[in-house]
Amino acid sequence: MQIYIWRHSKYFSSWSMLDEPHIHKNGYMEAEVVVLAANVEEALAILERDGAWHVDELRRIDPEVVELDSARVVLAHVR
């Protein structure tokens, strides 16, 4: 199993970034989702079933992958 982390921020977006991903079905300024799964396809399938995430847009972003084979910091977020 691995942890998959997708993050997207719109704080620095502008009209020149019209092709930027929109990963959540509601409006947001920052969105983050963390999924425990055996592989990225399983993680995306879980998010598809959840219904709140645009899986096709998440595919455009490489997730951070946390291997669960040793002790480490899992997530750090500074805003």
N, C-alpha and C. Protein backbone atom coordinates (compact mmCIF):
# COMPACT_ATOMS: atom_id res chain seq x y z
N MET A 1 0.84 -1.19 0.00
CA MET A 1 0.00 0.00 0.00
C MET A 1 0.88 1.25 0.00
N GLN A 2 0.35 2.28 -0.58
CA GLN A 2 1.03 3.57 -0.65
C GLN A 2 0.03 4.67 -0.36
N ILE A 3 0.53 5.81 0.02
CA ILE A 3 -0.31 6.99 0.20
C ILE A 3 -0.09 7.90 -1.01
N TYR A 4 -1.18 8.32 -1.63
CA TYR A 4 -1.14 9.21 -2.78
C TYR A 4 -1.72 10.56 -2.36
N ILE A 5 -0.97 11.63 -2.64
CA ILE A 5 -1.39 12.97 -2.23
C ILE A 5 -1.45 13.87 -3.47
N TRP A 6 -2.63 14.41 -3.71
CA TRP A 6 -2.81 15.39 -4.78
C TRP A 6 -3.11 16.73 -4.14
N ARG A 7 -2.45 17.80 -4.62
CA ARG A 7 -2.68 19.15 -4.14
C ARG A 7 -2.81 20.09 -5.32
N HIS A 8 -3.69 21.06 -5.18
CA HIS A 8 -3.78 22.10 -6.21
C HIS A 8 -4.17 23.41 -5.54
N SER A 9 -3.51 24.48 -5.93
CA SER A 9 -3.79 25.81 -5.40
C SER A 9 -4.09 26.75 -6.55
N LYS A 10 -5.08 27.59 -6.35
CA LYS A 10 -5.44 28.59 -7.36
C LYS A 10 -5.02 30.00 -6.93
N TYR A 11 -4.25 30.11 -5.87
CA TYR A 11 -3.86 31.42 -5.37
C TYR A 11 -3.10 32.25 -6.40
N PHE A 12 -2.33 31.63 -7.25
CA PHE A 12 -1.53 32.38 -8.20
C PHE A 12 -2.05 32.23 -9.63
N SER A 13 -3.30 31.81 -9.78
CA SER A 13 -3.84 31.64 -11.12
C SER A 13 -4.23 33.00 -11.71
N SER A 14 -4.28 33.04 -13.02
CA SER A 14 -4.69 34.26 -13.72
C SER A 14 -5.37 33.83 -15.02
N TRP A 15 -5.89 34.80 -15.75
CA TRP A 15 -6.54 34.49 -17.02
C TRP A 15 -5.58 33.82 -17.99
N SER A 16 -4.30 34.01 -17.82
CA SER A 16 -3.33 33.39 -18.72
C SER A 16 -3.16 31.90 -18.43
N MET A 17 -3.77 31.42 -17.34
CA MET A 17 -3.65 30.01 -16.97
C MET A 17 -5.00 29.30 -17.13
N LEU A 18 -5.67 29.52 -18.26
CA LEU A 18 -7.01 28.98 -18.47
C LEU A 18 -7.04 27.45 -18.54
N ASP A 19 -5.92 26.83 -18.84
CA ASP A 19 -5.89 25.37 -18.96
C ASP A 19 -5.47 24.71 -17.65
N GLU A 20 -5.52 25.44 -16.57
CA GLU A 20 -5.12 24.90 -15.28
C GLU A 20 -6.16 23.88 -14.80
N PRO A 21 -5.74 22.82 -14.10
CA PRO A 21 -6.69 21.80 -13.66
C PRO A 21 -7.69 22.34 -12.63
N HIS A 22 -8.85 21.72 -12.61
CA HIS A 22 -9.87 22.02 -11.59
C HIS A 22 -10.24 20.67 -10.99
N ILE A 23 -9.66 20.33 -9.82
CA ILE A 23 -9.71 18.95 -9.33
C ILE A 23 -10.91 18.61 -8.47
N HIS A 24 -11.60 19.61 -7.91
CA HIS A 24 -12.76 19.33 -7.05
C HIS A 24 -14.01 19.89 -7.71
N LYS A 25 -15.13 19.23 -7.49
CA LYS A 25 -16.37 19.63 -8.17
C LYS A 25 -16.97 20.91 -7.60
N ASN A 26 -16.59 21.32 -6.39
CA ASN A 26 -17.02 22.60 -5.83
C ASN A 26 -15.91 23.62 -6.05
N GLY A 27 -16.24 24.89 -5.91
CA GLY A 27 -15.23 25.92 -6.03
C GLY A 27 -14.23 25.83 -4.88
N TYR A 28 -13.00 26.20 -5.13
CA TYR A 28 -11.97 26.14 -4.09
C TYR A 28 -10.82 27.06 -4.43
N MET A 29 -10.04 27.41 -3.42
CA MET A 29 -8.77 28.11 -3.62
C MET A 29 -7.61 27.14 -3.44
N GLU A 30 -7.75 26.21 -2.52
CA GLU A 30 -6.77 25.14 -2.34
C GLU A 30 -7.52 23.84 -2.12
N ALA A 31 -7.09 22.81 -2.79
CA ALA A 31 -7.70 21.49 -2.62
C ALA A 31 -6.60 20.47 -2.43
N GLU A 32 -6.86 19.52 -1.54
CA GLU A 32 -5.89 18.47 -1.26
C GLU A 32 -6.67 17.20 -0.94
N VAL A 33 -6.22 16.09 -1.49
CA VAL A 33 -6.84 14.80 -1.18
C VAL A 33 -5.72 13.79 -0.98
N VAL A 34 -5.90 12.93 0.03
CA VAL A 34 -4.91 11.92 0.40
C VAL A 34 -5.62 10.57 0.39
N VAL A 35 -5.06 9.60 -0.35
CA VAL A 35 -5.70 8.30 -0.52
C VAL A 35 -4.69 7.19 -0.23
N LEU A 36 -5.11 6.19 0.52
CA LEU A 36 -4.31 4.99 0.77
C LEU A 36 -4.79 3.93 -0.21
N ALA A 37 -3.87 3.43 -1.06
CA ALA A 37 -4.25 2.45 -2.08
C ALA A 37 -3.03 1.65 -2.51
N ALA A 38 -3.28 0.55 -3.21
CA ALA A 38 -2.19 -0.31 -3.69
C ALA A 38 -1.45 0.31 -4.88
N ASN A 39 -2.17 1.12 -5.69
CA ASN A 39 -1.55 1.76 -6.84
C ASN A 39 -2.37 3.00 -7.20
N VAL A 40 -1.85 3.80 -8.12
CA VAL A 40 -2.50 5.07 -8.46
C VAL A 40 -3.86 4.84 -9.10
N GLU A 41 -4.02 3.80 -9.89
CA GLU A 41 -5.32 3.53 -10.52
C GLU A 41 -6.38 3.20 -9.48
N GLU A 42 -6.01 2.44 -8.45
CA GLU A 42 -6.95 2.15 -7.37
C GLU A 42 -7.30 3.43 -6.62
N ALA A 43 -6.32 4.28 -6.38
CA ALA A 43 -6.58 5.56 -5.71
C ALA A 43 -7.56 6.41 -6.50
N LEU A 44 -7.36 6.48 -7.81
CA LEU A 44 -8.27 7.26 -8.65
C LEU A 44 -9.67 6.64 -8.70
N ALA A 45 -9.75 5.31 -8.68
CA ALA A 45 -11.05 4.64 -8.65
C ALA A 45 -11.80 4.96 -7.35
N ILE A 46 -11.09 5.02 -6.25
CA ILE A 46 -11.69 5.39 -4.96
C ILE A 46 -12.25 6.81 -5.04
N LEU A 47 -11.48 7.71 -5.64
CA LEU A 47 -11.93 9.09 -5.76
C LEU A 47 -13.11 9.21 -6.73
N GLU A 48 -13.13 8.40 -7.76
CA GLU A 48 -14.27 8.38 -8.70
C GLU A 48 -15.54 7.98 -7.96
N ARG A 49 -15.45 6.96 -7.11
CA ARG A 49 -16.61 6.51 -6.34
C ARG A 49 -17.06 7.57 -5.33
N ASP A 50 -16.11 8.34 -4.81
CA ASP A 50 -16.43 9.40 -3.85
C ASP A 50 -17.35 10.44 -4.48
N GLY A 51 -17.13 10.74 -5.76
CA GLY A 51 -18.00 11.65 -6.50
C GLY A 51 -17.70 13.13 -6.37
N ALA A 52 -16.77 13.52 -5.53
CA ALA A 52 -16.49 14.94 -5.33
C ALA A 52 -15.28 15.44 -6.13
N TRP A 53 -14.58 14.53 -6.80
CA TRP A 53 -13.32 14.88 -7.45
C TRP A 53 -13.40 14.66 -8.95
N HIS A 54 -12.74 15.55 -9.71
CA HIS A 54 -12.62 15.39 -11.16
C HIS A 54 -11.40 14.51 -11.44
N VAL A 55 -11.63 13.23 -11.62
CA VAL A 55 -10.53 12.28 -11.78
C VAL A 55 -9.72 12.57 -13.04
N ASP A 56 -10.39 12.98 -14.12
CA ASP A 56 -9.66 13.31 -15.34
C ASP A 56 -8.70 14.48 -15.12
N GLU A 57 -9.07 15.42 -14.27
CA GLU A 57 -8.18 16.54 -13.95
C GLU A 57 -7.06 16.10 -13.01
N LEU A 58 -7.36 15.21 -12.06
CA LEU A 58 -6.32 14.69 -11.16
C LEU A 58 -5.24 13.96 -11.94
N ARG A 59 -5.62 13.30 -13.03
CA ARG A 59 -4.63 12.59 -13.86
C ARG A 59 -3.60 13.55 -14.45
N ARG A 60 -3.92 14.82 -14.56
CA ARG A 60 -3.00 15.82 -15.09
C ARG A 60 -1.92 16.22 -14.09
N ILE A 61 -2.11 15.85 -12.82
CA ILE A 61 -1.18 16.22 -11.75
C ILE A 61 -0.50 14.96 -11.23
N ASP A 62 0.81 14.97 -11.16
CA ASP A 62 1.52 13.84 -10.56
C ASP A 62 1.36 13.90 -9.05
N PRO A 63 0.80 12.85 -8.45
CA PRO A 63 0.65 12.89 -7.00
C PRO A 63 1.98 12.67 -6.29
N GLU A 64 2.07 13.16 -5.07
CA GLU A 64 3.18 12.77 -4.22
C GLU A 64 2.87 11.37 -3.74
N VAL A 65 3.83 10.47 -3.82
CA VAL A 65 3.63 9.08 -3.42
C VAL A 65 4.47 8.80 -2.18
N VAL A 66 3.81 8.33 -1.14
CA VAL A 66 4.49 8.02 0.12
C VAL A 66 4.54 6.50 0.25
N GLU A 67 5.73 5.95 0.19
CA GLU A 67 5.92 4.51 0.37
C GLU A 67 5.80 4.20 1.86
N LEU A 68 5.19 3.10 2.19
CA LEU A 68 4.99 2.73 3.59
C LEU A 68 5.97 1.66 4.04
N ASP A 69 7.21 1.78 3.59
CA ASP A 69 8.21 0.76 3.92
C ASP A 69 9.20 1.19 5.00
N SER A 70 9.12 2.46 5.44
CA SER A 70 10.02 2.92 6.50
C SER A 70 9.42 4.14 7.19
N ALA A 71 9.93 4.44 8.37
CA ALA A 71 9.45 5.60 9.11
C ALA A 71 9.84 6.89 8.37
N ARG A 72 8.93 7.83 8.33
CA ARG A 72 9.20 9.11 7.66
C ARG A 72 8.07 10.07 7.93
N VAL A 73 8.27 11.33 7.59
CA VAL A 73 7.21 12.32 7.65
C VAL A 73 6.24 12.00 6.52
N VAL A 74 4.99 11.86 6.84
CA VAL A 74 3.99 11.51 5.81
C VAL A 74 3.51 12.75 5.08
N LEU A 75 3.25 13.82 5.81
CA LEU A 75 2.72 15.02 5.17
C LEU A 75 3.14 16.25 5.97
N ALA A 76 3.60 17.25 5.27
CA ALA A 76 3.89 18.54 5.88
C ALA A 76 3.28 19.61 4.98
N HIS A 77 2.51 20.50 5.56
CA HIS A 77 1.84 21.53 4.76
C HIS A 77 2.00 22.87 5.47
N VAL A 78 2.65 23.81 4.82
CA VAL A 78 2.86 25.13 5.39
C VAL A 78 2.14 26.13 4.50
N ARG A 79 1.27 26.92 5.09
CA ARG A 79 0.51 27.87 4.31
C ARG A 79 0.92 29.27 4.68
